[in-house]
PDB file of all heavy atoms in Angstrom:
ATOM      1  N   GLN A   1     -24.838   7.350  -0.152  1.00  0.00           N
ATOM      2  CA  GLN A   1     -24.778   8.151  -1.377  1.00  0.00           C
ATOM      3  C   GLN A   1     -23.353   8.436  -1.834  1.00  0.00           C
ATOM      4  O   GLN A   1     -23.144   9.005  -2.902  1.00  0.00           O
ATOM      5  CB  GLN A   1     -25.523   9.481  -1.148  1.00  0.00           C
ATOM      6  CG  GLN A   1     -26.996   9.311  -0.837  1.00  0.00           C
ATOM      7  CD  GLN A   1     -27.725   8.505  -1.908  1.00  0.00           C
ATOM      8  OE1 GLN A   1     -27.638   8.806  -3.099  1.00  0.00           O
ATOM      9  NE2 GLN A   1     -28.454   7.474  -1.488  1.00  0.00           N
ATOM     10  N   HIS A   2     -22.382   8.051  -1.021  1.00  0.00           N
ATOM     11  CA  HIS A   2     -20.977   8.310  -1.342  1.00  0.00           C
ATOM     12  C   HIS A   2     -20.188   7.015  -1.341  1.00  0.00           C
ATOM     13  O   HIS A   2     -20.498   6.079  -0.603  1.00  0.00           O
ATOM     14  CB  HIS A   2     -20.355   9.285  -0.328  1.00  0.00           C
ATOM     15  CG  HIS A   2     -21.066  10.598  -0.216  1.00  0.00           C
ATOM     16  ND1 HIS A   2     -20.935  11.602  -1.157  1.00  0.00           N
ATOM     17  CD2 HIS A   2     -21.912  11.078   0.733  1.00  0.00           C
ATOM     18  CE1 HIS A   2     -21.676  12.639  -0.799  1.00  0.00           C
ATOM     19  NE2 HIS A   2     -22.281  12.349   0.348  1.00  0.00           N
ATOM     20  N   VAL A   3     -19.142   6.985  -2.147  1.00  0.00           N
ATOM     21  CA  VAL A   3     -18.238   5.837  -2.148  1.00  0.00           C
ATOM     22  C   VAL A   3     -17.631   5.669  -0.758  1.00  0.00           C
ATOM     23  O   VAL A   3     -17.180   6.642  -0.133  1.00  0.00           O
ATOM     24  CB  VAL A   3     -17.120   6.040  -3.192  1.00  0.00           C
ATOM     25  CG1 VAL A   3     -16.046   4.966  -3.047  1.00  0.00           C
ATOM     26  CG2 VAL A   3     -17.707   6.013  -4.598  1.00  0.00           C
ATOM     27  N   SER A   4     -17.628   4.446  -0.282  1.00  0.00           N
ATOM     28  CA  SER A   4     -17.089   4.149   1.043  1.00  0.00           C
ATOM     29  C   SER A   4     -15.763   3.397   0.920  1.00  0.00           C
ATOM     30  O   SER A   4     -15.434   2.858  -0.149  1.00  0.00           O
ATOM     31  CB  SER A   4     -18.082   3.291   1.828  1.00  0.00           C
ATOM     32  OG  SER A   4     -18.085   1.965   1.310  1.00  0.00           O
ATOM     33  N   PRO A   5     -14.991   3.315   2.000  1.00  0.00           N
ATOM     34  CA  PRO A   5     -13.767   2.503   1.965  1.00  0.00           C
ATOM     35  C   PRO A   5     -14.058   1.054   1.585  1.00  0.00           C
ATOM     36  O   PRO A   5     -13.288   0.438   0.844  1.00  0.00           O
ATOM     37  CB  PRO A   5     -13.235   2.613   3.399  1.00  0.00           C
ATOM     38  CG  PRO A   5     -13.811   3.887   3.920  1.00  0.00           C
ATOM     39  CD  PRO A   5     -15.146   4.022   3.292  1.00  0.00           C
ATOM     40  N   ALA A   6     -15.166   0.515   2.074  1.00  0.00           N
ATOM     41  CA  ALA A   6     -15.511  -0.870   1.751  1.00  0.00           C
ATOM     42  C   ALA A   6     -15.792  -1.046   0.262  1.00  0.00           C
ATOM     43  O   ALA A   6     -15.436  -2.073  -0.329  1.00  0.00           O
ATOM     44  CB  ALA A   6     -16.711  -1.322   2.580  1.00  0.00           C
ATOM     45  N   ASP A   7     -16.442  -0.055  -0.360  1.00  0.00           N
ATOM     46  CA  ASP A   7     -16.660  -0.130  -1.808  1.00  0.00           C
ATOM     47  C   ASP A   7     -15.322  -0.213  -2.543  1.00  0.00           C
ATOM     48  O   ASP A   7     -15.175  -0.971  -3.508  1.00  0.00           O
ATOM     49  CB  ASP A   7     -17.418   1.106  -2.305  1.00  0.00           C
ATOM     50  CG  ASP A   7     -18.834   1.190  -1.772  1.00  0.00           C
ATOM     51  OD1 ASP A   7     -19.556   0.191  -1.852  1.00  0.00           O
ATOM     52  OD2 ASP A   7     -19.213   2.267  -1.273  1.00  0.00           O
ATOM     53  N   ILE A   8     -14.362   0.558  -2.096  1.00  0.00           N
ATOM     54  CA  ILE A   8     -13.036   0.561  -2.724  1.00  0.00           C
ATOM     55  C   ILE A   8     -12.356  -0.782  -2.511  1.00  0.00           C
ATOM     56  O   ILE A   8     -11.781  -1.365  -3.445  1.00  0.00           O
ATOM     57  CB  ILE A   8     -12.188   1.717  -2.172  1.00  0.00           C
ATOM     58  CG1 ILE A   8     -12.790   3.062  -2.612  1.00  0.00           C
ATOM     59  CG2 ILE A   8     -10.730   1.597  -2.620  1.00  0.00           C
ATOM     60  CD1 ILE A   8     -12.207   4.276  -1.916  1.00  0.00           C
ATOM     61  N   MET A   9     -12.421  -1.309  -1.301  1.00  0.00           N
ATOM     62  CA  MET A   9     -11.816  -2.611  -1.006  1.00  0.00           C
ATOM     63  C   MET A   9     -12.446  -3.707  -1.862  1.00  0.00           C
ATOM     64  O   MET A   9     -11.748  -4.521  -2.473  1.00  0.00           O
ATOM     65  CB  MET A   9     -11.967  -2.920   0.475  1.00  0.00           C
ATOM     66  CG  MET A   9     -11.213  -1.964   1.386  1.00  0.00           C
ATOM     67  SD  MET A   9     -11.704  -2.065   3.124  1.00  0.00           S
ATOM     68  CE  MET A   9     -10.871  -3.591   3.608  1.00  0.00           C
ATOM     69  N   LEU A  10     -13.770  -3.728  -1.929  1.00  0.00           N
ATOM     70  CA  LEU A  10     -14.468  -4.752  -2.707  1.00  0.00           C
ATOM     71  C   LEU A  10     -14.147  -4.643  -4.191  1.00  0.00           C
ATOM     72  O   LEU A  10     -14.048  -5.658  -4.894  1.00  0.00           O
ATOM     73  CB  LEU A  10     -15.972  -4.660  -2.474  1.00  0.00           C
ATOM     74  CG  LEU A  10     -16.456  -5.050  -1.076  1.00  0.00           C
ATOM     75  CD1 LEU A  10     -17.942  -4.751  -0.930  1.00  0.00           C
ATOM     76  CD2 LEU A  10     -16.185  -6.528  -0.779  1.00  0.00           C
ATOM     77  N   THR A  11     -13.985  -3.422  -4.669  1.00  0.00           N
ATOM     78  CA  THR A  11     -13.632  -3.238  -6.078  1.00  0.00           C
ATOM     79  C   THR A  11     -12.255  -3.820  -6.371  1.00  0.00           C
ATOM     80  O   THR A  11     -12.049  -4.459  -7.411  1.00  0.00           O
ATOM     81  CB  THR A  11     -13.684  -1.746  -6.447  1.00  0.00           C
ATOM     82  OG1 THR A  11     -15.031  -1.276  -6.273  1.00  0.00           O
ATOM     83  CG2 THR A  11     -13.255  -1.513  -7.887  1.00  0.00           C
ATOM     84  N   VAL A  12     -11.311  -3.640  -5.469  1.00  0.00           N
ATOM     85  CA  VAL A  12      -9.992  -4.253  -5.636  1.00  0.00           C
ATOM     86  C   VAL A  12     -10.126  -5.774  -5.680  1.00  0.00           C
ATOM     87  O   VAL A  12      -9.585  -6.444  -6.570  1.00  0.00           O
ATOM     88  CB  VAL A  12      -9.042  -3.821  -4.503  1.00  0.00           C
ATOM     89  CG1 VAL A  12      -7.745  -4.646  -4.541  1.00  0.00           C
ATOM     90  CG2 VAL A  12      -8.719  -2.332  -4.606  1.00  0.00           C
ATOM     91  N   TYR A  13     -10.882  -6.347  -4.750  1.00  0.00           N
ATOM     92  CA  TYR A  13     -11.026  -7.805  -4.699  1.00  0.00           C
ATOM     93  C   TYR A  13     -11.729  -8.336  -5.947  1.00  0.00           C
ATOM     94  O   TYR A  13     -11.445  -9.449  -6.392  1.00  0.00           O
ATOM     95  CB  TYR A  13     -11.814  -8.239  -3.473  1.00  0.00           C
ATOM     96  CG  TYR A  13     -11.322  -7.717  -2.145  1.00  0.00           C
ATOM     97  CD1 TYR A  13     -12.164  -7.685  -1.049  1.00  0.00           C
ATOM     98  CD2 TYR A  13     -10.010  -7.249  -1.975  1.00  0.00           C
ATOM     99  CE1 TYR A  13     -11.740  -7.212   0.178  1.00  0.00           C
ATOM    100  CE2 TYR A  13      -9.582  -6.767  -0.754  1.00  0.00           C
ATOM    101  CZ  TYR A  13     -10.455  -6.748   0.328  1.00  0.00           C
ATOM    102  OH  TYR A  13     -10.033  -6.269   1.543  1.00  0.00           O
ATOM    103  N   SER A  14     -12.654  -7.542  -6.485  1.00  0.00           N
ATOM    104  CA  SER A  14     -13.443  -8.014  -7.631  1.00  0.00           C
ATOM    105  C   SER A  14     -12.559  -8.319  -8.840  1.00  0.00           C
ATOM    106  O   SER A  14     -12.960  -9.076  -9.735  1.00  0.00           O
ATOM    107  CB  SER A  14     -14.491  -6.965  -8.015  1.00  0.00           C
ATOM    108  OG  SER A  14     -13.917  -5.838  -8.670  1.00  0.00           O
ATOM    109  N   ARG A  15     -11.377  -7.752  -8.887  1.00  0.00           N
ATOM    110  CA  ARG A  15     -10.462  -7.944 -10.009  1.00  0.00           C
ATOM    111  C   ARG A  15      -9.733  -9.291  -9.928  1.00  0.00           C
ATOM    112  O   ARG A  15      -9.154  -9.750 -10.918  1.00  0.00           O
ATOM    113  CB  ARG A  15      -9.434  -6.810 -10.037  1.00  0.00           C
ATOM    114  CG  ARG A  15     -10.051  -5.443 -10.281  1.00  0.00           C
ATOM    115  CD  ARG A  15      -9.165  -4.290  -9.812  1.00  0.00           C
ATOM    116  NE  ARG A  15      -7.819  -4.318 -10.321  1.00  0.00           N
ATOM    117  CZ  ARG A  15      -7.436  -3.758 -11.459  1.00  0.00           C
ATOM    118  NH1 ARG A  15      -8.326  -3.142 -12.223  1.00  0.00           N
ATOM    119  NH2 ARG A  15      -6.179  -3.814 -11.856  1.00  0.00           N
ATOM    120  N   TRP A  16      -9.753  -9.931  -8.766  1.00  0.00           N
ATOM    121  CA  TRP A  16      -8.948 -11.126  -8.547  1.00  0.00           C
ATOM    122  C   TRP A  16      -9.528 -12.380  -9.205  1.00  0.00           C
ATOM    123  O   TRP A  16      -8.789 -13.302  -9.535  1.00  0.00           O
ATOM    124  CB  TRP A  16      -8.766 -11.370  -7.054  1.00  0.00           C
ATOM    125  CG  TRP A  16      -7.995 -10.292  -6.355  1.00  0.00           C
ATOM    126  CD1 TRP A  16      -7.245  -9.298  -6.928  1.00  0.00           C
ATOM    127  CD2 TRP A  16      -7.901 -10.090  -4.949  1.00  0.00           C
ATOM    128  NE1 TRP A  16      -6.683  -8.492  -5.961  1.00  0.00           N
ATOM    129  CE2 TRP A  16      -7.071  -8.945  -4.738  1.00  0.00           C
ATOM    130  CE3 TRP A  16      -8.421 -10.742  -3.841  1.00  0.00           C
ATOM    131  CZ2 TRP A  16      -6.764  -8.471  -3.470  1.00  0.00           C
ATOM    132  CZ3 TRP A  16      -8.126 -10.277  -2.576  1.00  0.00           C
ATOM    133  CH2 TRP A  16      -7.301  -9.147  -2.392  1.00  0.00           C
ATOM    134  N   GLY A  17     -10.833 -12.445  -9.366  1.00  0.00           N
ATOM    135  CA  GLY A  17     -11.445 -13.649  -9.908  1.00  0.00           C
ATOM    136  C   GLY A  17     -10.957 -14.000 -11.296  1.00  0.00           C
ATOM    137  O   GLY A  17     -10.937 -15.180 -11.678  1.00  0.00           O
ATOM    138  N   ALA A  18     -10.546 -12.998 -12.067  1.00  0.00           N
ATOM    139  CA  ALA A  18     -10.094 -13.239 -13.438  1.00  0.00           C
ATOM    140  C   ALA A  18      -8.840 -14.100 -13.491  1.00  0.00           C
ATOM    141  O   ALA A  18      -8.510 -14.651 -14.552  1.00  0.00           O
ATOM    142  CB  ALA A  18      -9.846 -11.906 -14.136  1.00  0.00           C
ATOM    143  N   ALA A  19      -8.139 -14.249 -12.388  1.00  0.00           N
ATOM    144  CA  ALA A  19      -6.906 -15.039 -12.366  1.00  0.00           C
ATOM    145  C   ALA A  19      -7.178 -16.535 -12.258  1.00  0.00           C
ATOM    146  O   ALA A  19      -6.233 -17.335 -12.346  1.00  0.00           O
ATOM    147  CB  ALA A  19      -6.023 -14.586 -11.205  1.00  0.00           C
ATOM    148  N   PHE A  20      -8.443 -16.922 -12.094  1.00  0.00           N
ATOM    149  CA  PHE A  20      -8.769 -18.321 -11.841  1.00  0.00           C
ATOM    150  C   PHE A  20      -9.850 -18.816 -12.802  1.00  0.00           C
ATOM    151  O   PHE A  20     -10.682 -18.026 -13.274  1.00  0.00           O
ATOM    152  CB  PHE A  20      -9.248 -18.484 -10.394  1.00  0.00           C
ATOM    153  CG  PHE A  20      -8.242 -18.016  -9.381  1.00  0.00           C
ATOM    154  CD1 PHE A  20      -8.348 -16.747  -8.828  1.00  0.00           C
ATOM    155  CD2 PHE A  20      -7.182 -18.817  -8.999  1.00  0.00           C
ATOM    156  CE1 PHE A  20      -7.413 -16.291  -7.897  1.00  0.00           C
ATOM    157  CE2 PHE A  20      -6.242 -18.377  -8.077  1.00  0.00           C
ATOM    158  CZ  PHE A  20      -6.357 -17.113  -7.522  1.00  0.00           C
ATOM    159  N   PRO A  21      -9.894 -20.125 -13.064  1.00  0.00           N
ATOM    160  CA  PRO A  21     -10.915 -20.694 -13.955  1.00  0.00           C
ATOM    161  C   PRO A  21     -12.242 -20.899 -13.233  1.00  0.00           C
ATOM    162  O   PRO A  21     -12.691 -22.025 -12.987  1.00  0.00           O
ATOM    163  CB  PRO A  21     -10.286 -22.027 -14.381  1.00  0.00           C
ATOM    164  CG  PRO A  21      -9.450 -22.431 -13.207  1.00  0.00           C
ATOM    165  CD  PRO A  21      -8.896 -21.139 -12.643  1.00  0.00           C
ATOM    166  N   VAL A  22     -12.872 -19.795 -12.875  1.00  0.00           N
ATOM    167  CA  VAL A  22     -14.142 -19.832 -12.145  1.00  0.00           C
ATOM    168  C   VAL A  22     -15.084 -18.791 -12.744  1.00  0.00           C
ATOM    169  O   VAL A  22     -14.653 -17.890 -13.468  1.00  0.00           O
ATOM    170  CB  VAL A  22     -13.949 -19.542 -10.637  1.00  0.00           C
ATOM    171  CG1 VAL A  22     -13.166 -20.654  -9.968  1.00  0.00           C
ATOM    172  CG2 VAL A  22     -13.256 -18.194 -10.431  1.00  0.00           C
ATOM    173  N   ASN A  23     -16.345 -18.923 -12.400  1.00  0.00           N
ATOM    174  CA  ASN A  23     -17.361 -17.976 -12.864  1.00  0.00           C
ATOM    175  C   ASN A  23     -17.865 -17.188 -11.666  1.00  0.00           C
ATOM    176  O   ASN A  23     -18.711 -17.663 -10.906  1.00  0.00           O
ATOM    177  CB  ASN A  23     -18.506 -18.726 -13.544  1.00  0.00           C
ATOM    178  CG  ASN A  23     -19.559 -17.779 -14.105  1.00  0.00           C
ATOM    179  OD1 ASN A  23     -19.293 -16.592 -14.317  1.00  0.00           O
ATOM    180  ND2 ASN A  23     -20.754 -18.285 -14.335  1.00  0.00           N
ATOM    181  N   ILE A  24     -17.320 -16.002 -11.477  1.00  0.00           N
ATOM    182  CA  ILE A  24     -17.755 -15.133 -10.388  1.00  0.00           C
ATOM    183  C   ILE A  24     -18.901 -14.272 -10.917  1.00  0.00           C
ATOM    184  O   ILE A  24     -18.766 -13.597 -11.936  1.00  0.00           O
ATOM    185  CB  ILE A  24     -16.607 -14.242  -9.877  1.00  0.00           C
ATOM    186  CG1 ILE A  24     -15.417 -15.107  -9.420  1.00  0.00           C
ATOM    187  CG2 ILE A  24     -17.096 -13.332  -8.760  1.00  0.00           C
ATOM    188  CD1 ILE A  24     -15.727 -16.039  -8.272  1.00  0.00           C
ATOM    189  N   LYS A  25     -20.019 -14.297 -10.202  1.00  0.00           N
ATOM    190  CA  LYS A  25     -21.218 -13.608 -10.651  1.00  0.00           C
ATOM    191  C   LYS A  25     -21.513 -12.411  -9.750  1.00  0.00           C
ATOM    192  O   LYS A  25     -21.538 -12.548  -8.526  1.00  0.00           O
ATOM    193  CB  LYS A  25     -22.419 -14.558 -10.637  1.00  0.00           C
ATOM    194  CG  LYS A  25     -22.239 -15.776 -11.523  1.00  0.00           C
ATOM    195  CD  LYS A  25     -23.424 -16.728 -11.382  1.00  0.00           C
ATOM    196  CE  LYS A  25     -23.220 -17.986 -12.219  1.00  0.00           C
ATOM    197  NZ  LYS A  25     -24.335 -18.943 -12.050  1.00  0.00           N
ATOM    198  N   MET A  26     -21.719 -11.274 -10.358  1.00  0.00           N
ATOM    199  CA  MET A  26     -22.066 -10.063  -9.625  1.00  0.00           C
ATOM    200  C   MET A  26     -23.332  -9.477 -10.222  1.00  0.00           C
ATOM    201  O   MET A  26     -23.503  -9.486 -11.446  1.00  0.00           O
ATOM    202  CB  MET A  26     -20.930  -9.037  -9.693  1.00  0.00           C
ATOM    203  CG  MET A  26     -19.632  -9.543  -9.101  1.00  0.00           C
ATOM    204  SD  MET A  26     -18.286  -8.361  -9.311  1.00  0.00           S
ATOM    205  CE  MET A  26     -16.887  -9.424  -8.974  1.00  0.00           C
ATOM    206  N   GLY A  27     -24.195  -8.974  -9.362  1.00  0.00           N
ATOM    207  CA  GLY A  27     -25.458  -8.419  -9.815  1.00  0.00           C
ATOM    208  C   GLY A  27     -25.298  -7.075 -10.494  1.00  0.00           C
ATOM    209  O   GLY A  27     -24.213  -6.474 -10.512  1.00  0.00           O
ATOM    210  N   GLU A  28     -26.400  -6.596 -11.017  1.00  0.00           N
ATOM    211  CA  GLU A  28     -26.389  -5.348 -11.788  1.00  0.00           C
ATOM    212  C   GLU A  28     -25.934  -4.162 -10.959  1.00  0.00           C
ATOM    213  O   GLU A  28     -25.139  -3.336 -11.417  1.00  0.00           O
ATOM    214  CB  GLU A  28     -27.794  -5.097 -12.349  1.00  0.00           C
ATOM    215  CG  GLU A  28     -27.915  -3.841 -13.188  1.00  0.00           C
ATOM    216  CD  GLU A  28     -29.315  -3.638 -13.745  1.00  0.00           C
ATOM    217  OE1 GLU A  28     -30.143  -4.563 -13.632  1.00  0.00           O
ATOM    218  OE2 GLU A  28     -29.585  -2.550 -14.281  1.00  0.00           O
ATOM    219  N   GLN A  29     -26.464  -4.037  -9.749  1.00  0.00           N
ATOM    220  CA  GLN A  29     -26.108  -2.893  -8.912  1.00  0.00           C
ATOM    221  C   GLN A  29     -24.657  -2.981  -8.433  1.00  0.00           C
ATOM    222  O   GLN A  29     -23.965  -1.968  -8.340  1.00  0.00           O
ATOM    223  CB  GLN A  29     -27.063  -2.797  -7.718  1.00  0.00           C
ATOM    224  CG  GLN A  29     -28.511  -2.583  -8.093  1.00  0.00           C
ATOM    225  CD  GLN A  29     -28.697  -1.395  -9.017  1.00  0.00           C
ATOM    226  OE1 GLN A  29     -28.130  -0.327  -8.782  1.00  0.00           O
ATOM    227  NE2 GLN A  29     -29.488  -1.571 -10.058  1.00  0.00           N
ATOM    228  N   THR A  30     -24.215  -4.188  -8.151  1.00  0.00           N
ATOM    229  CA  THR A  30     -22.821  -4.380  -7.741  1.00  0.00           C
ATOM    230  C   THR A  30     -21.878  -4.022  -8.877  1.00  0.00           C
ATOM    231  O   THR A  30     -20.864  -3.338  -8.676  1.00  0.00           O
ATOM    232  CB  THR A  30     -22.595  -5.836  -7.317  1.00  0.00           C
ATOM    233  OG1 THR A  30     -23.483  -6.160  -6.235  1.00  0.00           O
ATOM    234  CG2 THR A  30     -21.166  -6.063  -6.866  1.00  0.00           C
ATOM    235  N   THR A  31     -22.209  -4.468 -10.078  1.00  0.00           N
ATOM    236  CA  THR A  31     -21.390  -4.161 -11.252  1.00  0.00           C
ATOM    237  C   THR A  31     -21.329  -2.661 -11.491  1.00  0.00           C
ATOM    238  O   THR A  31     -20.258  -2.102 -11.787  1.00  0.00           O
ATOM    239  CB  THR A  31     -21.955  -4.869 -12.486  1.00  0.00           C
ATOM    240  OG1 THR A  31     -21.966  -6.290 -12.239  1.00  0.00           O
ATOM    241  CG2 THR A  31     -21.123  -4.572 -13.723  1.00  0.00           C
ATOM    242  N   ARG A  32     -22.458  -1.989 -11.325  1.00  0.00           N
ATOM    243  CA  ARG A  32     -22.492  -0.534 -11.496  1.00  0.00           C
ATOM    244  C   ARG A  32     -21.588   0.140 -10.467  1.00  0.00           C
ATOM    245  O   ARG A  32     -20.831   1.064 -10.796  1.00  0.00           O
ATOM    246  CB  ARG A  32     -23.932  -0.027 -11.363  1.00  0.00           C
ATOM    247  CG  ARG A  32     -24.089   1.479 -11.579  1.00  0.00           C
ATOM    248  CD  ARG A  32     -25.261   2.019 -10.788  1.00  0.00           C
ATOM    249  NE  ARG A  32     -25.180   1.660  -9.392  1.00  0.00           N
ATOM    250  CZ  ARG A  32     -24.377   2.233  -8.506  1.00  0.00           C
ATOM    251  NH1 ARG A  32     -23.569   3.220  -8.873  1.00  0.00           N
ATOM    252  NH2 ARG A  32     -24.354   1.829  -7.251  1.00  0.00           N
ATOM    253  N   MET A  33     -21.687  -0.305  -9.214  1.00  0.00           N
ATOM    254  CA  MET A  33     -20.847   0.282  -8.168  1.00  0.00           C
ATOM    255  C   MET A  33     -19.371   0.089  -8.474  1.00  0.00           C
ATOM    256  O   MET A  33     -18.560   1.022  -8.375  1.00  0.00           O
ATOM    257  CB  MET A  33     -21.190  -0.351  -6.812  1.00  0.00           C
ATOM    258  CG  MET A  33     -20.354   0.156  -5.642  1.00  0.00           C
ATOM    259  SD  MET A  33     -18.790  -0.735  -5.393  1.00  0.00           S
ATOM    260  CE  MET A  33     -19.368  -2.265  -4.661  1.00  0.00           C
ATOM    261  N   ILE A  34     -18.999  -1.107  -8.886  1.00  0.00           N
ATOM    262  CA  ILE A  34     -17.603  -1.405  -9.177  1.00  0.00           C
ATOM    263  C   ILE A  34     -17.094  -0.559 -10.339  1.00  0.00           C
ATOM    264  O   ILE A  34     -15.989   0.004 -10.281  1.00  0.00           O
ATOM    265  CB  ILE A  34     -17.433  -2.909  -9.457  1.00  0.00           C
ATOM    266  CG1 ILE A  34     -17.590  -3.701  -8.152  1.00  0.00           C
ATOM    267  CG2 ILE A  34     -16.073  -3.203 -10.102  1.00  0.00           C
ATOM    268  CD1 ILE A  34     -17.678  -5.185  -8.343  1.00  0.00           C
ATOM    269  N   HIS A  35     -17.891  -0.432 -11.377  1.00  0.00           N
ATOM    270  CA  HIS A  35     -17.486   0.395 -12.520  1.00  0.00           C
ATOM    271  C   HIS A  35     -17.285   1.849 -12.099  1.00  0.00           C
ATOM    272  O   HIS A  35     -16.359   2.528 -12.563  1.00  0.00           O
ATOM    273  CB  HIS A  35     -18.518   0.305 -13.633  1.00  0.00           C
ATOM    274  CG  HIS A  35     -18.469  -0.994 -14.368  1.00  0.00           C
ATOM    275  ND1 HIS A  35     -19.427  -1.398 -15.266  1.00  0.00           N
ATOM    276  CD2 HIS A  35     -17.561  -2.013 -14.339  1.00  0.00           C
ATOM    277  CE1 HIS A  35     -19.120  -2.583 -15.754  1.00  0.00           C
ATOM    278  NE2 HIS A  35     -17.996  -2.981 -15.202  1.00  0.00           N
ATOM    279  N   HIS A  36     -18.155   2.332 -11.206  1.00  0.00           N
ATOM    280  CA  HIS A  36     -18.027   3.711 -10.724  1.00  0.00           C
ATOM    281  C   HIS A  36     -16.714   3.880  -9.958  1.00  0.00           C
ATOM    282  O   HIS A  36     -15.981   4.866 -10.175  1.00  0.00           O
ATOM    283  CB  HIS A  36     -19.210   4.072  -9.827  1.00  0.00           C
ATOM    284  CG  HIS A  36     -19.165   5.475  -9.313  1.00  0.00           C
ATOM    285  ND1 HIS A  36     -19.875   6.517  -9.890  1.00  0.00           N
ATOM    286  CD2 HIS A  36     -18.473   6.043  -8.280  1.00  0.00           C
ATOM    287  CE1 HIS A  36     -19.632   7.643  -9.238  1.00  0.00           C
ATOM    288  NE2 HIS A  36     -18.779   7.380  -8.251  1.00  0.00           N
ATOM    289  N   VAL A  37     -16.411   2.944  -9.068  1.00  0.00           N
ATOM    290  CA  VAL A  37     -15.194   3.056  -8.264  1.00  0.00           C
ATOM    291  C   VAL A  37     -13.955   2.936  -9.151  1.00  0.00           C
ATOM    292  O   VAL A  37     -12.987   3.690  -8.987  1.00  0.00           O
ATOM    293  CB  VAL A  37     -15.182   1.997  -7.141  1.00  0.00           C
ATOM    294  CG1 VAL A  37     -13.852   2.034  -6.380  1.00  0.00           C
ATOM    295  CG2 VAL A  37     -16.343   2.230  -6.170  1.00  0.00           C
ATOM    296  N   LEU A  38     -13.991   2.012 -10.091  1.00  0.00           N
ATOM    297  CA  LEU A  38     -12.850   1.855 -10.997  1.00  0.00           C
ATOM    298  C   LEU A  38     -12.550   3.134 -11.773  1.00  0.00           C
ATOM    299  O   LEU A  38     -11.398   3.422 -12.089  1.00  0.00           O
ATOM    300  CB  LEU A  38     -13.122   0.721 -11.989  1.00  0.00           C
ATOM    301  CG  LEU A  38     -12.944  -0.702 -11.467  1.00  0.00           C
ATOM    302  CD1 LEU A  38     -13.481  -1.699 -12.493  1.00  0.00           C
ATOM    303  CD2 LEU A  38     -11.481  -0.994 -11.163  1.00  0.00           C
TER     304      LEU A  38
END
């Protein structure tokens, strides 16, 4: 029910895909979690 260190780490990593010509796909719940942490 609370943000964890791993959620914070994953949110940082999630920003890296934009630097490359790839399509990184994240599900609805993952996207919600990342937006919350950001």
